PDB file of N, CA and C in Angstrom:
ATOM      1  N   MET A   1      20.621  73.792 -39.860  1.00  0.00           N
ATOM      2  CA  MET A   1      21.257  72.303 -38.489  1.00  0.00           C
ATOM      3  C   MET A   1      20.896  70.919 -38.845  1.00  0.00           C
ATOM      4  N   GLU A   2      19.928  70.753 -39.210  1.00  0.00           N
ATOM      5  CA  GLU A   2      19.917  68.827 -39.393  1.00  0.00           C
ATOM      6  C   GLU A   2      21.204  68.434 -40.906  1.00  0.00           C
ATOM      7  N   ILE A   3      20.864  69.438 -41.335  1.00  0.00           N
ATOM      8  CA  ILE A   3      22.537  69.140 -42.619  1.00  0.00           C
ATOM      9  C   ILE A   3      23.325  69.202 -42.015  1.00  0.00           C
ATOM     10  N   PHE A   4      23.946  69.743 -41.040  1.00  0.00           N
ATOM     11  CA  PHE A   4      25.100  68.686 -40.180  1.00  0.00           C
ATOM     12  C   PHE A   4      25.211  68.091 -39.553  1.00  0.00           C
ATOM     13  N   VAL A   5      24.332  67.815 -38.882  1.00  0.00           N
ATOM     14  CA  VAL A   5      23.966  66.120 -38.335  1.00  0.00           C
ATOM     15  C   VAL A   5      24.354  65.090 -39.198  1.00  0.00           C
ATOM     16  N   LEU A   6      23.650  65.665 -39.876  1.00  0.00           N
ATOM     17  CA  LEU A   6      23.397  64.294 -41.429  1.00  0.00           C
ATOM     18  C   LEU A   6      25.060  64.299 -42.198  1.00  0.00           C
ATOM     19  N   ILE A   7      26.094  65.088 -41.975  1.00  0.00           N
ATOM     20  CA  ILE A   7      26.803  65.571 -43.072  1.00  0.00           C
ATOM     21  C   ILE A   7      27.658  64.086 -41.708  1.00  0.00           C
ATOM     22  N   GLY A   8      28.406  64.639 -40.314  1.00  0.00           N
ATOM     23  CA  GLY A   8      28.821  64.443 -38.789  1.00  0.00           C
ATOM     24  C   GLY A   8      28.168  62.616 -39.824  1.00  0.00           C
ATOM     25  N   ILE A   9      27.018  62.363 -39.099  1.00  0.00           N
ATOM     26  CA  ILE A   9      27.032  60.848 -39.528  1.00  0.00           C
ATOM     27  C   ILE A   9      27.920  60.014 -40.537  1.00  0.00           C
ATOM     28  N   LEU A  10      27.665  60.809 -41.927  1.00  0.00           N
ATOM     29  CA  LEU A  10      27.961  60.010 -43.423  1.00  0.00           C
ATOM     30  C   LEU A  10      29.595  60.201 -42.946  1.00  0.00           C
ATOM     31  N   VAL A  11      30.188  61.630 -42.165  1.00  0.00           N
ATOM     32  CA  VAL A  11      31.678  61.405 -41.961  1.00  0.00           C
ATOM     33  C   VAL A  11      32.180  60.499 -41.341  1.00  0.00           C
ATOM     34  N   LEU A  12      31.205  59.981 -39.420  1.00  0.00           N
ATOM     35  CA  LEU A  12      31.960  58.789 -38.695  1.00  0.00           C
ATOM     36  C   LEU A  12      31.496  57.253 -39.726  1.00  0.00           C
ATOM     37  N   VAL A  13      30.482  57.436 -41.107  1.00  0.00           N
ATOM     38  CA  VAL A  13      30.403  55.762 -40.904  1.00  0.00           C
ATOM     39  C   VAL A  13      31.027  55.989 -42.544  1.00  0.00           C
ATOM     40  N   VAL A  14      32.352  57.176 -42.807  1.00  0.00           N
ATOM     41  CA  VAL A  14      33.239  56.918 -44.687  1.00  0.00           C
ATOM     42  C   VAL A  14      34.832  56.181 -43.555  1.00  0.00           C
ATOM     43  N   GLY A  15      34.939  57.385 -42.650  1.00  0.00           N
ATOM     44  CA  GLY A  15      36.116  56.667 -41.468  1.00  0.00           C
ATOM     45  C   GLY A  15      36.068  55.359 -40.692  1.00  0.00           C
ATOM     46  N   GLY A  16      34.923  55.191 -40.397  1.00  0.00           N
ATOM     47  CA  GLY A  16      34.970  53.605 -39.962  1.00  0.00           C
ATOM     48  C   GLY A  16      34.858  52.714 -41.089  1.00  0.00           C
ATOM     49  N   CYS A  17      34.774  52.872 -42.277  1.00  0.00           N
ATOM     50  CA  CYS A  17      34.744  51.666 -43.165  1.00  0.00           C
ATOM     51  C   CYS A  17      36.885  52.162 -43.876  1.00  0.00           C
ATOM     52  N   VAL A  18      36.833  53.487 -43.693  1.00  0.00           N
ATOM     53  CA  VAL A  18      38.458  53.028 -44.183  1.00  0.00           C
ATOM     54  C   VAL A  18      39.660  52.744 -42.475  1.00  0.00           C
ATOM     55  N   CYS A  19      38.807  52.739 -41.859  1.00  0.00           N
ATOM     56  CA  CYS A  19      39.352  52.202 -40.647  1.00  0.00           C
ATOM     57  C   CYS A  19      39.431  50.774 -40.760  1.00  0.00           C
ATOM     58  N   VAL A  20      38.280  50.307 -41.020  1.00  0.00           N
ATOM     59  CA  VAL A  20      38.268  48.906 -41.088  1.00  0.00           C
ATOM     60  C   VAL A  20      39.057  48.628 -42.600  1.00  0.00           C
ATOM     61  N   VAL A  21      38.917  48.791 -43.812  1.00  0.00           N
ATOM     62  CA  VAL A  21      40.438  48.636 -44.653  1.00  0.00           C
ATOM     63  C   VAL A  21      41.859  48.878 -44.307  1.00  0.00           C
ATOM     64  N   TRP A  22      41.817  50.184 -44.115  1.00  0.00           N
ATOM     65  CA  TRP A  22      43.058  50.253 -42.995  1.00  0.00           C
ATOM     66  C   TRP A  22      44.088  49.494 -42.408  1.00  0.00           C
ATOM     67  N   ALA A  23      42.737  49.161 -41.280  1.00  0.00           N
ATOM     68  CA  ALA A  23      43.318  47.972 -39.907  1.00  0.00           C
ATOM     69  C   ALA A  23      44.132  46.321 -41.361  1.00  0.00           C
ATOM     70  N   SER A  24      42.524  46.115 -41.957  1.00  0.00           N
ATOM     71  CA  SER A  24      43.161  45.008 -42.407  1.00  0.00           C
ATOM     72  C   SER A  24      44.501  44.940 -43.083  1.00  0.00           C
ATOM     73  N   ARG A  25      45.004  45.542 -44.233  1.00  0.00           N
ATOM     74  CA  ARG A  25      46.061  45.856 -44.608  1.00  0.00           C
ATOM     75  C   ARG A  25      47.441  46.120 -43.385  1.00  0.00           C
ATOM     76  N   GLY A  26      46.860  46.343 -42.484  1.00  0.00           N
ATOM     77  CA  GLY A  26      48.167  46.209 -40.989  1.00  0.00           C
ATOM     78  C   GLY A  26      48.569  47.454 -40.348  1.00  0.00           C
ATOM     79  N   GLY A  27      47.093  48.896 -40.397  1.00  0.00           N
ATOM     80  CA  GLY A  27      47.240  49.657 -40.008  1.00  0.00           C
ATOM     81  C   GLY A  27      48.046  49.812 -38.508  1.00  0.00           C
ATOM     82  N   PRO A  28      48.001  51.102 -37.779  1.00  0.00           N
ATOM     83  CA  PRO A  28      48.197  51.182 -36.747  1.00  0.00           C
ATOM     84  C   PRO A  28      47.093  50.735 -35.315  1.00  0.00           C
ATOM     85  N   ARG A  29      47.633  50.964 -33.999  1.00  0.00           N
ATOM     86  CA  ARG A  29      46.473  49.539 -33.342  1.00  0.00           C
ATOM     87  C   ARG A  29      45.006  51.414 -33.095  1.00  0.00           C
ATOM     88  N   TRP A  30      44.914  51.911 -33.059  1.00  0.00           N
ATOM     89  CA  TRP A  30      44.070  52.660 -33.352  1.00  0.00           C
ATOM     90  C   TRP A  30      43.108  52.780 -34.144  1.00  0.00           C
ATOM     91  N   ALA A  31      43.293  52.256 -35.941  1.00  0.00           N
ATOM     92  CA  ALA A  31      43.070  51.865 -36.553  1.00  0.00           C
ATOM     93  C   ALA A  31      42.076  50.324 -36.228  1.00  0.00           C
ATOM     94  N   ARG A  32      42.798  49.665 -35.690  1.00  0.00           N
ATOM     95  CA  ARG A  32      41.581  48.634 -35.450  1.00  0.00           C
ATOM     96  C   ARG A  32      41.603  48.157 -34.589  1.00  0.00           C
ATOM     97  N   GLY A  33      40.932  49.607 -33.887  1.00  0.00           N
ATOM     98  CA  GLY A  33      40.215  49.188 -32.410  1.00  0.00           C
ATOM     99  C   GLY A  33      39.319  49.684 -32.591  1.00  0.00           C
ATOM    100  N   VAL A  34      39.218  51.467 -34.015  1.00  0.00           N
ATOM    101  CA  VAL A  34      38.090  51.384 -34.409  1.00  0.00           C
ATOM    102  C   VAL A  34      37.558  50.453 -35.547  1.00  0.00           C
ATOM    103  N   ALA A  35      39.067  49.905 -36.035  1.00  0.00           N
ATOM    104  CA  ALA A  35      37.877  48.704 -37.450  1.00  0.00           C
ATOM    105  C   ALA A  35      37.310  48.113 -36.674  1.00  0.00           C
ATOM    106  N   HIS A  36      37.168  47.801 -34.905  1.00  0.00           N
ATOM    107  CA  HIS A  36      36.722  46.134 -34.554  1.00  0.00           C
ATOM    108  C   HIS A  36      36.020  46.619 -33.931  1.00  0.00           C
ATOM    109  N   VAL A  37      35.150  48.362 -33.495  1.00  0.00           N
ATOM    110  CA  VAL A  37      34.133  48.624 -33.065  1.00  0.00           C
ATOM    111  C   VAL A  37      32.958  49.235 -34.326  1.00  0.00           C
ATOM    112  N   THR A  38      33.106  49.042 -35.473  1.00  0.00           N
ATOM    113  CA  THR A  38      32.965  49.758 -36.570  1.00  0.00           C
ATOM    114  C   THR A  38      31.782  48.547 -37.487  1.00  0.00           C
ATOM    115  N   PRO A  39      31.643  47.378 -37.584  1.00  0.00           N
ATOM    116  CA  PRO A  39      30.881  46.639 -37.379  1.00  0.00           C
ATOM    117  C   PRO A  39      30.137  46.571 -36.370  1.00  0.00           C
ATOM    118  N   ALA A  40      30.357  45.844 -34.806  1.00  0.00           N
ATOM    119  CA  ALA A  40      29.601  46.090 -33.687  1.00  0.00           C
ATOM    120  C   ALA A  40      28.519  46.892 -34.113  1.00  0.00           C
ATOM    121  N   ALA A  41      28.780  48.340 -33.562  1.00  0.00           N
ATOM    122  CA  ALA A  41      27.864  49.084 -33.866  1.00  0.00           C
ATOM    123  C   ALA A  41      26.814  48.863 -35.112  1.00  0.00           C
ATOM    124  N   GLY A  42      27.346  49.379 -36.298  1.00  0.00           N
ATOM    125  CA  GLY A  42      26.608  48.412 -37.452  1.00  0.00           C
ATOM    126  C   GLY A  42      25.447  47.629 -36.745  1.00  0.00           C
ATOM    127  N   GLU A  43      25.772  46.601 -36.714  1.00  0.00           N
ATOM    128  CA  GLU A  43      25.419  45.404 -35.714  1.00  0.00           C
ATOM    129  C   GLU A  43      23.849  45.483 -34.683  1.00  0.00           C
ATOM    130  N   VAL A  44      24.612  46.524 -33.870  1.00  0.00           N
ATOM    131  CA  VAL A  44      23.248  47.008 -32.912  1.00  0.00           C
ATOM    132  C   VAL A  44      22.143  48.155 -33.203  1.00  0.00           C
ATOM    133  N   LEU A  45      22.658  48.884 -34.271  1.00  0.00           N
ATOM    134  CA  LEU A  45      21.912  49.305 -34.893  1.00  0.00           C
ATOM    135  C   LEU A  45      21.149  48.349 -35.923  1.00  0.00           C
ATOM    136  N   ARG A  46      21.354  47.499 -36.767  1.00  0.00           N
ATOM    137  CA  ARG A  46      20.710  46.289 -37.451  1.00  0.00           C
ATOM    138  C   ARG A  46      19.587  45.747 -36.564  1.00  0.00           C
ATOM    139  N   ALA A  47      19.860  45.187 -35.325  1.00  0.00           N
ATOM    140  CA  ALA A  47      19.255  44.705 -33.901  1.00  0.00           C
ATOM    141  C   ALA A  47      18.113  46.035 -34.010  1.00  0.00           C
ATOM    142  N   SER A  48      18.773  46.997 -33.911  1.00  0.00           N
ATOM    143  CA  SER A  48      17.134  48.166 -32.875  1.00  0.00           C
ATOM    144  C   SER A  48      16.961  48.567 -34.548  1.00  0.00           C
ATOM    145  N   SER A  49      17.140  48.424 -35.217  1.00  0.00           N
ATOM    146  CA  SER A  49      15.864  48.788 -36.721  1.00  0.00           C
ATOM    147  C   SER A  49      14.629  47.628 -36.244  1.00  0.00           C
ATOM    148  N   ARG A  50      15.665  46.166 -36.236  1.00  0.00           N
ATOM    149  CA  ARG A  50      14.576  45.238 -36.506  1.00  0.00           C
ATOM    150  C   ARG A  50      13.703  45.008 -35.073  1.00  0.00           C
ATOM    151  N   SER A  51      13.446  45.288 -34.022  1.00  0.00           N
ATOM    152  CA  SER A  51      13.162  45.053 -33.619  1.00  0.00           C
ATOM    153  C   SER A  51      11.944  46.802 -33.376  1.00  0.00           C
ATOM    154  N   SER A  52      11.896  48.025 -34.008  1.00  0.00           N
ATOM    155  CA  SER A  52      11.451  48.644 -33.825  1.00  0.00           C
ATOM    156  C   SER A  52      10.468  48.703 -34.825  1.00  0.00           C
ATOM    157  N   ARG A  53      10.829  47.713 -36.218  1.00  0.00           N
ATOM    158  CA  ARG A  53       9.472  47.415 -37.068  1.00  0.00           C
ATOM    159  C   ARG A  53       9.195  46.047 -36.559  1.00  0.00           C
ATOM    160  N   LYS A  54       9.657  45.323 -35.692  1.00  0.00           N
ATOM    161  CA  LYS A  54       8.361  44.150 -35.278  1.00  0.00           C
ATOM    162  C   LYS A  54       7.216  44.874 -33.947  1.00  0.00           C
ATOM    163  N   SER A  55       7.987  46.222 -33.625  1.00  0.00           N
ATOM    164  CA  SER A  55       6.850  46.709 -32.710  1.00  0.00           C
ATOM    165  C   SER A  55       5.945  47.707 -33.200  1.00  0.00           C
ATOM    166  N   GLY A  56       6.663  47.603 -34.642  1.00  0.00           N
ATOM    167  CA  GLY A  56       5.819  48.518 -35.300  1.00  0.00           C
ATOM    168  C   GLY A  56       4.564  47.859 -36.482  1.00  0.00           C
ATOM    169  N   GLY A  57       5.150  47.041 -36.446  1.00  0.00           N
ATOM    170  CA  GLY A  57       4.266  46.075 -37.193  1.00  0.00           C
ATOM    171  C   GLY A  57       3.220  44.933 -36.593  1.00  0.00           C
ATOM    172  N   GLN A  58       3.117  45.393 -34.925  1.00  0.00           N
ATOM    173  CA  GLN A  58       2.849  44.589 -34.212  1.00  0.00           C
ATOM    174  C   GLN A  58       1.414  45.823 -34.009  1.00  0.00           C
ATOM    175  N   SER A  59       1.881  46.654 -34.094  1.00  0.00           N
ATOM    176  CA  SER A  59       0.783  48.017 -33.308  1.00  0.00           C
ATOM    177  C   SER A  59       0.171  47.814 -34.177  1.00  0.00           C
ATOM    178  N   SER A  60       0.244  48.415 -35.614  1.00  0.00           N
ATOM    179  CA  SER A  60       0.057  48.680 -36.956  1.00  0.00           C
ATOM    180  C   SER A  60      -1.529  46.930 -37.062  1.00  0.00           C
ATOM    181  N   SER A  61      -1.100  46.461 -36.679  1.00  0.00           N
ATOM    182  CA  SER A  61      -1.698  45.163 -37.389  1.00  0.00           C
ATOM    183  C   SER A  61      -3.338  45.040 -35.932  1.00  0.00           C
ATOM    184  N   ASP A  62      -2.464  45.846 -35.100  1.00  0.00           N
ATOM    185  CA  ASP A  62      -4.177  45.481 -33.925  1.00  0.00           C
ATOM    186  C   ASP A  62      -4.404  46.530 -33.848  1.00  0.00           C
ATOM    187  N   ASP A  63      -3.961  48.306 -34.713  1.00  0.00           N
ATOM    188  CA  ASP A  63      -5.075  48.860 -34.931  1.00  0.00           C
ATOM    189  C   ASP A  63      -5.971  48.302 -35.488  1.00  0.00           C
ATOM    190  N   GLY A  64      -5.393  47.485 -36.879  1.00  0.00           N
ATOM    191  CA  GLY A  64      -6.038  47.293 -37.956  1.00  0.00           C
ATOM    192  C   GLY A  64      -7.936  46.130 -37.577  1.00  0.00           C
ATOM    193  N   SER A  65      -7.505  45.820 -36.303  1.00  0.00           N
ATOM    194  CA  SER A  65      -7.939  44.262 -36.348  1.00  0.00           C
ATOM    195  C   SER A  65     -10.403  45.297 -34.820  1.00  0.00           C
TER     196      SER A  65
END
């Protein structure tokens, strides 16, 4: 079951990258919309991973005291 989730995520990522390239070459309007959302989603994921690392690092340093 987990493999299907991972395959689904991989398909979404690859599809987003394809839309970014296609939109840069003048693709259809929906591809430009997906291309606009793809980097924004990446930024959201990057920010959430930064915040989880910060909170995780603080709690682990607090446990060591």
